[in-house]
């Protein structure tokens, strides 16, 4: 039951439904120019915080607050009735099911969203571009991990005037697409480091 709940709430899909043959993708010069603009924006972005709305292609909806600090830190606190939070720190994803007092740990490196938390994104070393699409007011960039394209895929969605991260989408092994929209995000403000601290409730029980 707990794992079922986890796979329906987790915004960071662990595997891509159909491995992408990234080596077969050839992007145009215009696409590379756009991608480099987005990479510069992401590399310059140190903090981001606000509210989010999450929906899966199966119709499961949830929302809450998020805090992101690059490199490597993120916290998502879900609003009721969802009783959960996700903390990313020290290369680990921590999923805390508050209702069942269950904590599950996953390596950040095993998720496609890890690219968003890297200190510097490199298309030559870390990730491979799959697609860059520009539509009126919107730019979408899809990436896979360079060493293991089948591990996962993430699509980042930006507004282009001004340029800002607005959304990301993950596709999991079951083909379920999870989309997270950022609502009124604030970039650049200092975030208290305590936001990313986490103590396993079982640890507290053992020491009380």
Protein backbone atom coordinates (compact mmCIF):
# COMPACT_ATOMS: atom_id res chain seq x y z
CA UNK A 1 0.00 0.00 0.00
CA UNK A 2 2.77 2.42 0.93
CA UNK A 3 4.69 1.84 -2.30
CA UNK A 4 1.48 2.23 -4.30
CA UNK A 5 0.91 5.59 -2.64
CA UNK A 6 4.51 6.55 -3.31
CA UNK A 7 4.39 5.93 -7.04
CA UNK A 8 1.24 8.01 -7.35
CA UNK A 9 2.60 10.99 -5.45
CA UNK A 10 6.28 11.10 -6.34
CA UNK A 11 7.02 13.87 -8.80
CA UNK A 12 10.39 12.41 -9.67
CA UNK A 13 9.69 9.44 -11.97
CA UNK A 14 12.36 6.78 -11.70
CA UNK A 15 12.25 5.33 -15.20
CA UNK A 16 11.14 6.35 -18.66
CA UNK A 17 8.44 4.20 -20.23
CA UNK A 18 10.24 3.73 -23.54
CA UNK A 19 14.03 4.23 -23.57
CA UNK A 20 14.98 7.14 -25.80
CA UNK A 21 17.54 6.47 -28.51
CA UNK A 22 19.16 9.80 -27.76
CA UNK A 23 22.15 9.09 -30.00
CA UNK A 24 19.80 9.17 -33.00
CA UNK A 25 18.51 12.67 -32.25
CA UNK A 26 19.87 15.47 -34.43
CA UNK A 27 18.95 18.99 -33.36
CA UNK A 28 19.07 22.09 -35.53
CA UNK A 29 21.36 25.05 -34.93
CA UNK A 30 18.37 27.08 -33.74
CA UNK A 31 17.49 24.37 -31.20
CA UNK A 32 21.07 24.35 -29.88
CA UNK A 33 21.01 28.14 -29.50
CA UNK A 34 17.76 27.95 -27.54
CA UNK A 35 19.10 25.12 -25.38
CA UNK A 36 22.23 27.10 -24.52
CA UNK A 37 20.07 30.06 -23.46
CA UNK A 38 18.05 27.77 -21.18
CA UNK A 39 21.19 26.16 -19.78
CA UNK A 40 22.62 29.60 -18.93
CA UNK A 41 19.37 30.53 -17.20
CA UNK A 42 19.37 27.32 -15.14
CA UNK A 43 23.05 27.58 -14.23
CA UNK A 44 22.45 31.13 -12.99
CA UNK A 45 19.37 30.14 -10.99
CA UNK A 46 20.39 29.46 -7.39
CA UNK A 47 17.08 29.39 -5.52
CA UNK A 48 13.41 29.07 -6.40
CA UNK A 49 10.38 28.81 -4.12
CA UNK A 50 6.62 29.07 -4.23
CA UNK A 51 3.55 26.88 -4.63
CA UNK A 52 2.98 24.03 -7.05
CA UNK A 53 0.14 22.06 -8.58
CA UNK A 54 0.77 18.46 -9.63
CA UNK A 55 -1.36 16.24 -11.84
CA UNK A 56 -0.77 12.85 -13.40
CA UNK A 57 -2.15 11.51 -16.65
CA UNK A 58 -4.30 9.18 -14.52
CA UNK A 59 -6.06 12.22 -13.03
CA UNK A 60 -4.43 12.25 -9.57
CA UNK A 61 -4.13 15.84 -8.32
CA UNK A 62 -2.17 17.32 -5.42
CA UNK A 63 -0.59 20.64 -4.53
CA UNK A 64 1.64 22.27 -1.95
CA UNK A 65 4.76 24.37 -1.43
CA UNK A 66 8.23 23.86 -2.86
CA UNK A 67 11.73 25.10 -2.05
CA UNK A 68 14.69 24.59 -4.40
CA UNK A 69 18.31 25.49 -3.76
CA UNK A 70 20.99 24.58 -6.29
CA UNK A 71 23.03 22.54 -6.16
CA UNK A 72 21.29 19.49 -4.80
CA UNK A 73 18.51 20.62 -2.45
CA UNK A 74 14.75 20.55 -2.75
CA UNK A 75 11.75 20.20 -0.46
CA UNK A 76 8.12 19.66 -1.42
CA UNK A 77 5.44 19.86 1.25
CA UNK A 78 2.05 18.58 0.11
CA UNK A 79 -1.18 20.19 1.26
CA UNK A 80 -3.96 18.10 2.89
CA UNK A 81 -5.47 15.68 2.25
CA UNK A 82 -2.10 14.40 0.99
CA UNK A 83 0.02 13.59 4.03
CA UNK A 84 3.53 13.53 2.61
CA UNK A 85 6.68 15.46 1.88
CA UNK A 86 9.77 14.98 -0.27
CA UNK A 87 13.21 16.18 0.77
CA UNK A 88 16.25 16.09 -1.50
CA UNK A 89 19.63 16.56 0.17
CA UNK A 90 23.13 15.09 0.12
CA UNK A 91 22.43 13.17 -3.09
CA UNK A 92 19.37 11.41 -1.62
CA UNK A 93 15.62 11.67 -2.19
CA UNK A 94 13.72 11.20 1.06
CA UNK A 95 10.02 10.36 0.75
CA UNK A 96 8.18 10.79 4.04
CA UNK A 97 4.68 9.34 4.30
CA UNK A 98 3.41 11.20 7.35
CA UNK A 99 0.21 9.17 7.65
CA UNK A 100 2.06 5.85 8.03
CA UNK A 101 5.25 7.36 9.50
CA UNK A 102 7.16 5.62 6.72
CA UNK A 103 10.42 6.98 5.27
CA UNK A 104 11.90 5.74 1.99
CA UNK A 105 15.30 6.70 0.59
CA UNK A 106 16.33 6.80 -3.09
CA UNK A 107 19.55 7.99 -4.76
CA UNK A 108 19.07 11.30 -6.55
CA UNK A 109 21.35 10.08 -9.34
CA UNK A 110 18.73 7.47 -10.29
CA UNK A 111 16.15 10.10 -11.26
CA UNK A 112 15.85 12.22 -14.39
CA UNK A 113 15.05 15.34 -12.38
CA UNK A 114 18.58 15.26 -10.95
CA UNK A 115 19.67 17.44 -13.88
CA UNK A 116 17.68 20.35 -12.46
CA UNK A 117 19.64 20.22 -9.20
CA UNK A 118 23.14 19.99 -10.67
CA UNK A 119 25.49 22.86 -9.91
CA UNK A 120 26.28 23.30 -13.60
CA UNK A 121 24.40 21.60 -16.42
CA UNK A 122 26.61 20.35 -19.22
CA UNK A 123 25.22 18.94 -22.45
CA UNK A 124 28.64 17.45 -23.19
CA UNK A 125 29.21 15.63 -19.89
CA UNK A 126 26.02 15.09 -17.91
CA UNK A 127 22.91 15.16 -20.05
CA UNK A 128 21.92 14.75 -23.67
CA UNK A 129 19.33 16.89 -25.40
CA UNK A 130 16.41 15.01 -26.88
CA UNK A 131 14.30 17.91 -28.10
CA UNK A 132 13.89 21.68 -27.87
CA UNK A 133 10.57 23.14 -29.00
CA UNK A 134 9.54 26.79 -29.13
CA UNK A 135 5.89 27.75 -29.24
CA UNK A 136 4.23 31.14 -28.74
CA UNK A 137 5.35 32.25 -25.27
CA UNK A 138 6.76 28.83 -24.32
CA UNK A 139 10.01 26.88 -24.74
CA UNK A 140 10.24 23.17 -23.87
CA UNK A 141 13.51 21.28 -23.42
CA UNK A 142 13.69 17.50 -22.99
CA UNK A 143 16.83 15.82 -21.63
CA UNK A 144 18.08 12.36 -20.72
CA UNK A 145 21.06 11.24 -18.66
CA UNK A 146 24.03 10.92 -21.02
CA UNK A 147 25.38 7.61 -19.70
CA UNK A 148 22.00 5.88 -19.44
CA UNK A 149 19.31 7.37 -21.66
CA UNK A 150 16.86 4.66 -20.60
CA UNK A 151 17.07 5.76 -16.97
CA UNK A 152 14.63 8.60 -17.41
CA UNK A 153 13.59 11.74 -19.19
CA UNK A 154 12.56 15.18 -17.98
CA UNK A 155 10.93 17.98 -19.93
CA UNK A 156 11.42 21.48 -18.54
CA UNK A 157 8.93 24.13 -19.64
CA UNK A 158 9.84 27.84 -19.65
CA UNK A 159 8.04 31.06 -20.36
CA UNK A 160 10.08 33.11 -22.83
CA UNK A 161 9.10 36.68 -21.91
CA UNK A 162 10.57 36.87 -19.39
CA UNK A 163 12.54 33.63 -19.46
CA UNK A 164 11.54 31.61 -16.39
CA UNK A 165 11.05 27.97 -15.38
CA UNK A 166 7.31 27.29 -15.13
CA UNK A 167 6.77 23.56 -15.27
CA UNK A 168 8.36 20.11 -15.57
CA UNK A 169 7.02 16.75 -16.71
CA UNK A 170 8.22 13.23 -15.96
CA UNK A 171 7.14 9.97 -17.62
CA UNK A 172 7.47 6.83 -15.49
CA UNK A 173 7.88 3.15 -16.34
CA UNK A 174 4.12 2.66 -16.55
CA UNK A 175 3.78 5.49 -19.06
CA UNK A 176 2.19 7.79 -16.47
CA UNK A 177 3.05 11.44 -17.08
CA UNK A 178 3.38 13.61 -13.96
CA UNK A 179 3.31 17.35 -14.57
CA UNK A 180 4.27 19.88 -11.93
CA UNK A 181 3.29 23.51 -12.55
CA UNK A 182 5.05 26.19 -10.51
CA UNK A 183 2.67 28.86 -9.24
CA UNK A 184 4.06 32.37 -8.76
CA UNK A 185 7.62 31.13 -8.18
CA UNK A 186 10.13 33.54 -6.62
CA UNK A 187 13.74 33.24 -7.78
CA UNK A 188 16.88 34.43 -6.07
CA UNK A 189 15.65 34.87 -2.50
CA UNK A 190 17.70 33.32 0.29
CA UNK A 191 16.23 30.09 1.69
CA UNK A 192 16.97 29.07 5.27
CA UNK A 193 19.13 25.92 5.22
CA UNK A 194 16.92 24.42 7.93
CA UNK A 195 14.22 24.01 5.30
CA UNK A 196 16.21 21.08 3.89
CA UNK A 197 16.93 19.36 7.19
CA UNK A 198 15.20 16.05 7.92
CA UNK A 199 15.11 13.71 10.90
CA UNK A 200 13.64 10.25 10.47
CA UNK A 201 10.70 9.92 12.92
CA UNK A 202 11.83 6.38 13.76
CA UNK A 203 15.16 7.83 14.90
CA UNK A 204 13.32 10.13 17.29
CA UNK A 205 11.31 7.19 18.64
CA UNK A 206 14.48 5.20 19.29
CA UNK A 207 16.06 8.07 21.20
CA UNK A 208 13.08 9.02 23.37
